[in-house]
């Protein structure tokens, strides 16, 4: 069961309303994505903490409906 890029973006924006989100379907299968997310919520957080925040926003879909997600996260410059 695949997950649409729009659903990933919706979940991320629900958690981080100010986020700039770019999602790329790496394999064309709806299972392997790369996402770039920029949000003020990441300021002062380590890369691991930022990624954990995104995984939390995905509400348990990581490893299930969403098989792989390459993340690039940052705070606005």
PDB file of N, CA and C in Angstrom:
ATOM      1  N   UNK A   1       0.842  -1.175   0.000  1.00  0.00           N
ATOM      2  CA  UNK A   1       0.000   0.000   0.000  1.00  0.00           C
ATOM      3  C   UNK A   1       0.892   1.244   0.000  1.00  0.00           C
ATOM      4  N   UNK A   2       0.815   2.020  -1.045  1.00  0.00           N
ATOM      5  CA  UNK A   2       1.652   3.199  -1.209  1.00  0.00           C
ATOM      6  C   UNK A   2       1.009   4.418  -0.544  1.00  0.00           C
ATOM      7  N   UNK A   3       1.814   5.461  -0.425  1.00  0.00           N
ATOM      8  CA  UNK A   3       1.348   6.710   0.164  1.00  0.00           C
ATOM      9  C   UNK A   3       1.617   7.831  -0.840  1.00  0.00           C
ATOM     10  N   UNK A   4       0.626   8.634  -1.125  1.00  0.00           N
ATOM     11  CA  UNK A   4       0.764   9.720  -2.099  1.00  0.00           C
ATOM     12  C   UNK A   4       1.607  10.854  -1.525  1.00  0.00           C
ATOM     13  N   UNK A   5       2.376  11.498  -2.390  1.00  0.00           N
ATOM     14  CA  UNK A   5       3.201  12.640  -1.987  1.00  0.00           C
ATOM     15  C   UNK A   5       2.346  13.729  -1.350  1.00  0.00           C
ATOM     16  N   UNK A   6       1.141  13.912  -1.849  1.00  0.00           N
ATOM     17  CA  UNK A   6       0.236  14.930  -1.310  1.00  0.00           C
ATOM     18  C   UNK A   6      -0.137  14.643   0.136  1.00  0.00           C
ATOM     19  N   UNK A   7      -0.255  13.371   0.466  1.00  0.00           N
ATOM     20  CA  UNK A   7      -0.587  12.983   1.842  1.00  0.00           C
ATOM     21  C   UNK A   7       0.595  13.252   2.779  1.00  0.00           C
ATOM     22  N   UNK A   8       1.794  12.984   2.301  1.00  0.00           N
ATOM     23  CA  UNK A   8       2.988  13.287   3.094  1.00  0.00           C
ATOM     24  C   UNK A   8       3.039  14.785   3.371  1.00  0.00           C
ATOM     25  N   UNK A   9       2.847  15.576   2.321  1.00  0.00           N
ATOM     26  CA  UNK A   9       2.883  17.032   2.476  1.00  0.00           C
ATOM     27  C   UNK A   9       1.792  17.519   3.427  1.00  0.00           C
ATOM     28  N   UNK A  10       0.600  16.948   3.322  1.00  0.00           N
ATOM     29  CA  UNK A  10      -0.505  17.344   4.195  1.00  0.00           C
ATOM     30  C   UNK A  10      -0.164  17.087   5.663  1.00  0.00           C
ATOM     31  N   UNK A  11       0.375  15.911   5.946  1.00  0.00           N
ATOM     32  CA  UNK A  11       0.718  15.563   7.323  1.00  0.00           C
ATOM     33  C   UNK A  11       1.832  16.461   7.868  1.00  0.00           C
ATOM     34  N   UNK A  12       2.819  16.742   7.035  1.00  0.00           N
ATOM     35  CA  UNK A  12       3.919  17.609   7.465  1.00  0.00           C
ATOM     36  C   UNK A  12       3.401  19.027   7.730  1.00  0.00           C
ATOM     37  N   UNK A  13       2.581  19.543   6.821  1.00  0.00           N
ATOM     38  CA  UNK A  13       2.061  20.907   6.982  1.00  0.00           C
ATOM     39  C   UNK A  13       1.081  21.009   8.149  1.00  0.00           C
ATOM     40  N   UNK A  14       0.417  19.915   8.458  1.00  0.00           N
ATOM     41  CA  UNK A  14      -0.481  19.895   9.620  1.00  0.00           C
ATOM     42  C   UNK A  14       0.326  20.115  10.901  1.00  0.00           C
ATOM     43  N   UNK A  15       1.497  19.518  10.963  1.00  0.00           N
ATOM     44  CA  UNK A  15       2.372  19.627  12.143  1.00  0.00           C
ATOM     45  C   UNK A  15       3.204  20.900  12.117  1.00  0.00           C
ATOM     46  N   UNK A  16       3.645  21.305  10.910  1.00  0.00           N
ATOM     47  CA  UNK A  16       4.508  22.467  10.729  1.00  0.00           C
ATOM     48  C   UNK A  16       3.865  23.404   9.706  1.00  0.00           C
ATOM     49  N   UNK A  17       2.896  24.217  10.116  1.00  0.00           N
ATOM     50  CA  UNK A  17       2.144  25.050   9.174  1.00  0.00           C
ATOM     51  C   UNK A  17       2.996  26.010   8.347  1.00  0.00           C
ATOM     52  N   UNK A  18       4.150  26.422   8.888  1.00  0.00           N
ATOM     53  CA  UNK A  18       5.012  27.358   8.175  1.00  0.00           C
ATOM     54  C   UNK A  18       5.969  26.674   7.189  1.00  0.00           C
ATOM     55  N   UNK A  19       5.934  25.357   7.125  1.00  0.00           N
ATOM     56  CA  UNK A  19       6.943  24.603   6.372  1.00  0.00           C
ATOM     57  C   UNK A  19       6.872  24.826   4.868  1.00  0.00           C
ATOM     58  N   UNK A  20       8.071  24.895   4.275  1.00  0.00           N
ATOM     59  CA  UNK A  20       8.216  24.787   2.823  1.00  0.00           C
ATOM     60  C   UNK A  20       8.573  23.333   2.569  1.00  0.00           C
ATOM     61  N   UNK A  21       7.753  22.648   1.778  1.00  0.00           N
ATOM     62  CA  UNK A  21       7.912  21.215   1.577  1.00  0.00           C
ATOM     63  C   UNK A  21       8.078  20.921   0.089  1.00  0.00           C
ATOM     64  N   UNK A  22       9.118  20.170  -0.244  1.00  0.00           N
ATOM     65  CA  UNK A  22       9.320  19.672  -1.601  1.00  0.00           C
ATOM     66  C   UNK A  22       9.480  18.166  -1.512  1.00  0.00           C
ATOM     67  N   UNK A  23       8.688  17.446  -2.299  1.00  0.00           N
ATOM     68  CA  UNK A  23       8.715  15.986  -2.250  1.00  0.00           C
ATOM     69  C   UNK A  23       8.958  15.454  -3.661  1.00  0.00           C
ATOM     70  N   UNK A  24       9.859  14.473  -3.754  1.00  0.00           N
ATOM     71  CA  UNK A  24      10.163  13.835  -5.022  1.00  0.00           C
ATOM     72  C   UNK A  24       9.943  12.329  -4.878  1.00  0.00           C
ATOM     73  N   UNK A  25       9.184  11.750  -5.795  1.00  0.00           N
ATOM     74  CA  UNK A  25       8.970  10.298  -5.824  1.00  0.00           C
ATOM     75  C   UNK A  25      10.173   9.698  -6.539  1.00  0.00           C
ATOM     76  N   UNK A  26      11.066   9.053  -5.805  1.00  0.00           N
ATOM     77  CA  UNK A  26      12.338   8.584  -6.344  1.00  0.00           C
ATOM     78  C   UNK A  26      12.213   7.410  -7.295  1.00  0.00           C
ATOM     79  N   UNK A  27      11.239   6.536  -7.077  1.00  0.00           N
ATOM     80  CA  UNK A  27      11.130   5.319  -7.881  1.00  0.00           C
ATOM     81  C   UNK A  27       9.843   5.261  -8.697  1.00  0.00           C
ATOM     82  N   UNK A  28       8.970   6.240  -8.533  1.00  0.00           N
ATOM     83  CA  UNK A  28       7.704   6.231  -9.255  1.00  0.00           C
ATOM     84  C   UNK A  28       6.714   5.214  -8.725  1.00  0.00           C
ATOM     85  N   UNK A  29       6.980   4.696  -7.521  1.00  0.00           N
ATOM     86  CA  UNK A  29       6.124   3.646  -6.967  1.00  0.00           C
ATOM     87  C   UNK A  29       5.307   4.089  -5.750  1.00  0.00           C
ATOM     88  N   UNK A  30       5.466   5.350  -5.337  1.00  0.00           N
ATOM     89  CA  UNK A  30       4.728   5.825  -4.169  1.00  0.00           C
ATOM     90  C   UNK A  30       5.241   5.273  -2.863  1.00  0.00           C
ATOM     91  N   UNK A  31       6.400   4.621  -2.872  1.00  0.00           N
ATOM     92  CA  UNK A  31       6.978   4.034  -1.663  1.00  0.00           C
ATOM     93  C   UNK A  31       8.321   4.645  -1.280  1.00  0.00           C
ATOM     94  N   UNK A  32       8.986   5.272  -2.245  1.00  0.00           N
ATOM     95  CA  UNK A  32      10.336   5.782  -2.030  1.00  0.00           C
ATOM     96  C   UNK A  32      10.377   7.258  -2.399  1.00  0.00           C
ATOM     97  N   UNK A  33      10.521   8.103  -1.385  1.00  0.00           N
ATOM     98  CA  UNK A  33      10.490   9.545  -1.590  1.00  0.00           C
ATOM     99  C   UNK A  33      11.737  10.211  -1.019  1.00  0.00           C
ATOM    100  N   UNK A  34      12.003  11.403  -1.545  1.00  0.00           N
ATOM    101  CA  UNK A  34      12.960  12.322  -0.940  1.00  0.00           C
ATOM    102  C   UNK A  34      12.157  13.568  -0.599  1.00  0.00           C
ATOM    103  N   UNK A  35      12.387  14.122   0.576  1.00  0.00           N
ATOM    104  CA  UNK A  35      11.652  15.312   0.994  1.00  0.00           C
ATOM    105  C   UNK A  35      12.620  16.349   1.551  1.00  0.00           C
ATOM    106  N   UNK A  36      12.401  17.579   1.146  1.00  0.00           N
ATOM    107  CA  UNK A  36      13.127  18.714   1.695  1.00  0.00           C
ATOM    108  C   UNK A  36      12.106  19.554   2.460  1.00  0.00           C
ATOM    109  N   UNK A  37      12.362  19.767   3.747  1.00  0.00           N
ATOM    110  CA  UNK A  37      11.411  20.474   4.608  1.00  0.00           C
ATOM    111  C   UNK A  37      12.153  21.571   5.359  1.00  0.00           C
ATOM    112  N   UNK A  38      11.661  22.792   5.213  1.00  0.00           N
ATOM    113  CA  UNK A  38      12.243  23.945   5.905  1.00  0.00           C
ATOM    114  C   UNK A  38      11.173  24.507   6.832  1.00  0.00           C
ATOM    115  N   UNK A  39      11.491  24.577   8.126  1.00  0.00           N
ATOM    116  CA  UNK A  39      10.529  25.079   9.111  1.00  0.00           C
ATOM    117  C   UNK A  39      11.261  25.728  10.275  1.00  0.00           C
ATOM    118  N   UNK A  40      10.680  26.779  10.790  1.00  0.00           N
ATOM    119  CA  UNK A  40      11.236  27.450  11.967  1.00  0.00           C
ATOM    120  C   UNK A  40      11.278  26.490  13.163  1.00  0.00           C
ATOM    121  N   UNK A  41      10.396  25.503  13.193  1.00  0.00           N
ATOM    122  CA  UNK A  41      10.349  24.546  14.305  1.00  0.00           C
ATOM    123  C   UNK A  41      11.656  23.758  14.450  1.00  0.00           C
ATOM    124  N   UNK A  42      12.466  23.712  13.390  1.00  0.00           N
ATOM    125  CA  UNK A  42      13.720  22.962  13.426  1.00  0.00           C
ATOM    126  C   UNK A  42      14.887  23.769  14.014  1.00  0.00           C
ATOM    127  N   UNK A  43      14.703  25.062  14.174  1.00  0.00           N
ATOM    128  CA  UNK A  43      15.802  25.911  14.656  1.00  0.00           C
ATOM    129  C   UNK A  43      16.279  25.428  16.029  1.00  0.00           C
ATOM    130  N   UNK A  44      17.596  25.255  16.151  1.00  0.00           N
ATOM    131  CA  UNK A  44      18.204  24.848  17.414  1.00  0.00           C
ATOM    132  C   UNK A  44      18.142  23.353  17.681  1.00  0.00           C
ATOM    133  N   UNK A  45      17.547  22.605  16.787  1.00  0.00           N
ATOM    134  CA  UNK A  45      17.430  21.150  16.958  1.00  0.00           C
ATOM    135  C   UNK A  45      18.524  20.443  16.146  1.00  0.00           C
ATOM    136  N   UNK A  46      18.970  19.305  16.633  1.00  0.00           N
ATOM    137  CA  UNK A  46      19.939  18.508  15.873  1.00  0.00           C
ATOM    138  C   UNK A  46      19.232  17.878  14.668  1.00  0.00           C
ATOM    139  N   UNK A  47      20.016  17.424  13.723  1.00  0.00           N
ATOM    140  CA  UNK A  47      19.455  16.771  12.529  1.00  0.00           C
ATOM    141  C   UNK A  47      18.597  15.567  12.942  1.00  0.00           C
ATOM    142  N   UNK A  48      19.064  14.795  13.901  1.00  0.00           N
ATOM    143  CA  UNK A  48      18.304  13.626  14.372  1.00  0.00           C
ATOM    144  C   UNK A  48      16.968  14.067  14.973  1.00  0.00           C
ATOM    145  N   UNK A  49      16.990  15.115  15.796  1.00  0.00           N
ATOM    146  CA  UNK A  49      15.746  15.623  16.387  1.00  0.00           C
ATOM    147  C   UNK A  49      14.786  16.119  15.308  1.00  0.00           C
ATOM    148  N   UNK A  50      15.316  16.807  14.302  1.00  0.00           N
ATOM    149  CA  UNK A  50      14.483  17.291  13.207  1.00  0.00           C
ATOM    150  C   UNK A  50      13.799  16.135  12.489  1.00  0.00           C
ATOM    151  N   UNK A  51      14.570  15.093  12.191  1.00  0.00           N
ATOM    152  CA  UNK A  51      14.008  13.938  11.484  1.00  0.00           C
ATOM    153  C   UNK A  51      12.979  13.210  12.345  1.00  0.00           C
ATOM    154  N   UNK A  52      13.238  13.108  13.647  1.00  0.00           N
ATOM    155  CA  UNK A  52      12.265  12.487  14.547  1.00  0.00           C
ATOM    156  C   UNK A  52      10.960  13.278  14.556  1.00  0.00           C
ATOM    157  N   UNK A  53      11.062  14.607  14.490  1.00  0.00           N
ATOM    158  CA  UNK A  53       9.863  15.449  14.457  1.00  0.00           C
ATOM    159  C   UNK A  53       9.049  15.165  13.200  1.00  0.00           C
ATOM    160  N   UNK A  54       9.727  14.977  12.076  1.00  0.00           N
ATOM    161  CA  UNK A  54       9.024  14.670  10.826  1.00  0.00           C
ATOM    162  C   UNK A  54       8.387  13.283  10.910  1.00  0.00           C
ATOM    163  N   UNK A  55       9.128  12.305  11.415  1.00  0.00           N
ATOM    164  CA  UNK A  55       8.562  10.955  11.550  1.00  0.00           C
ATOM    165  C   UNK A  55       7.322  10.980  12.443  1.00  0.00           C
ATOM    166  N   UNK A  56       7.363  11.747  13.515  1.00  0.00           N
ATOM    167  CA  UNK A  56       6.188  11.886  14.385  1.00  0.00           C
ATOM    168  C   UNK A  56       5.016  12.477  13.614  1.00  0.00           C
ATOM    169  N   UNK A  57       5.308  13.469  12.777  1.00  0.00           N
ATOM    170  CA  UNK A  57       4.251  14.108  11.983  1.00  0.00           C
ATOM    171  C   UNK A  57       3.605  13.135  11.007  1.00  0.00           C
ATOM    172  N   UNK A  58       4.346  12.115  10.595  1.00  0.00           N
ATOM    173  CA  UNK A  58       3.820  11.137   9.637  1.00  0.00           C
ATOM    174  C   UNK A  58       2.919  10.094  10.295  1.00  0.00           C
ATOM    175  N   UNK A  59       2.719  10.220  11.584  1.00  0.00           N
ATOM    176  CA  UNK A  59       1.727   9.443  12.336  1.00  0.00           C
ATOM    177  C   UNK A  59       1.813   7.929  12.124  1.00  0.00           C
ATOM    178  N   UNK A  60       3.017   7.387  12.217  1.00  0.00           N
ATOM    179  CA  UNK A  60       3.180   5.942  12.147  1.00  0.00           C
ATOM    180  C   UNK A  60       3.184   5.352  10.752  1.00  0.00           C
ATOM    181  N   UNK A  61       3.132   6.160   9.718  1.00  0.00           N
ATOM    182  CA  UNK A  61       3.141   5.642   8.353  1.00  0.00           C
ATOM    183  C   UNK A  61       4.530   5.234   7.876  1.00  0.00           C
ATOM    184  N   UNK A  62       5.574   5.742   8.528  1.00  0.00           N
ATOM    185  CA  UNK A  62       6.937   5.389   8.144  1.00  0.00           C
ATOM    186  C   UNK A  62       7.172   3.919   8.422  1.00  0.00           C
ATOM    187  N   UNK A  63       7.631   3.187   7.416  1.00  0.00           N
ATOM    188  CA  UNK A  63       7.856   1.751   7.562  1.00  0.00           C
ATOM    189  C   UNK A  63       6.626   0.931   7.231  1.00  0.00           C
ATOM    190  N   UNK A  64       5.479   1.586   7.061  1.00  0.00           N
ATOM    191  CA  UNK A  64       4.250   0.898   6.667  1.00  0.00           C
ATOM    192  C   UNK A  64       3.863   1.326   5.263  1.00  0.00           C
ATOM    193  N   UNK A  65       2.930   2.260   5.180  1.00  0.00           N
ATOM    194  CA  UNK A  65       2.490   2.783   3.885  1.00  0.00           C
ATOM    195  C   UNK A  65       3.624   3.517   3.181  1.00  0.00           C
ATOM    196  N   UNK A  66       4.551   4.037   3.945  1.00  0.00           N
ATOM    197  CA  UNK A  66       5.695   4.761   3.396  1.00  0.00           C
ATOM    198  C   UNK A  66       6.950   3.964   3.707  1.00  0.00           C
ATOM    199  N   UNK A  67       7.531   3.376   2.675  1.00  0.00           N
ATOM    200  CA  UNK A  67       8.668   2.474   2.870  1.00  0.00           C
ATOM    201  C   UNK A  67       9.978   3.221   3.121  1.00  0.00           C
ATOM    202  N   UNK A  68      10.265   4.250   2.312  1.00  0.00           N
ATOM    203  CA  UNK A  68      11.536   4.958   2.439  1.00  0.00           C
ATOM    204  C   UNK A  68      11.359   6.446   2.210  1.00  0.00           C
ATOM    205  N   UNK A  69      11.992   7.234   3.066  1.00  0.00           N
ATOM    206  CA  UNK A  69      11.911   8.685   2.947  1.00  0.00           C
ATOM    207  C   UNK A  69      13.297   9.264   3.264  1.00  0.00           C
ATOM    208  N   UNK A  70      13.956   9.792   2.242  1.00  0.00           N
ATOM    209  CA  UNK A  70      15.227  10.477   2.424  1.00  0.00           C
ATOM    210  C   UNK A  70      14.911  11.915   2.807  1.00  0.00           C
ATOM    211  N   UNK A  71      15.323  12.321   3.995  1.00  0.00           N
ATOM    212  CA  UNK A  71      14.957  13.640   4.511  1.00  0.00           C
ATOM    213  C   UNK A  71      16.112  14.624   4.461  1.00  0.00           C
ATOM    214  N   UNK A  72      15.770  15.849   4.098  1.00  0.00           N
ATOM    215  CA  UNK A  72      16.686  16.991   4.215  1.00  0.00           C
ATOM    216  C   UNK A  72      15.876  18.050   4.941  1.00  0.00           C
ATOM    217  N   UNK A  73      16.266  18.362   6.171  1.00  0.00           N
ATOM    218  CA  UNK A  73      15.505  19.315   6.991  1.00  0.00           C
ATOM    219  C   UNK A  73      16.406  20.474   7.405  1.00  0.00           C
ATOM    220  N   UNK A  74      15.786  21.638   7.600  1.00  0.00           N
ATOM    221  CA  UNK A  74      16.530  22.797   8.076  1.00  0.00           C
ATOM    222  C   UNK A  74      15.568  23.882   8.532  1.00  0.00           C
ATOM    223  N   UNK A  75      16.136  24.835   9.280  1.00  0.00           N
ATOM    224  CA  UNK A  75      15.390  26.035   9.654  1.00  0.00           C
ATOM    225  C   UNK A  75      15.626  27.067   8.557  1.00  0.00           C
ATOM    226  N   UNK A  76      14.719  28.024   8.394  1.00  0.00           N
ATOM    227  CA  UNK A  76      14.923  29.071   7.385  1.00  0.00           C
ATOM    228  C   UNK A  76      16.196  29.858   7.680  1.00  0.00           C
ATOM    229  N   UNK A  77      16.828  30.348   6.624  1.00  0.00           N
ATOM    230  CA  UNK A  77      18.058  31.142   6.802  1.00  0.00           C
ATOM    231  C   UNK A  77      17.738  32.596   7.006  1.00  0.00           C
TER     232      UNK A  77
END
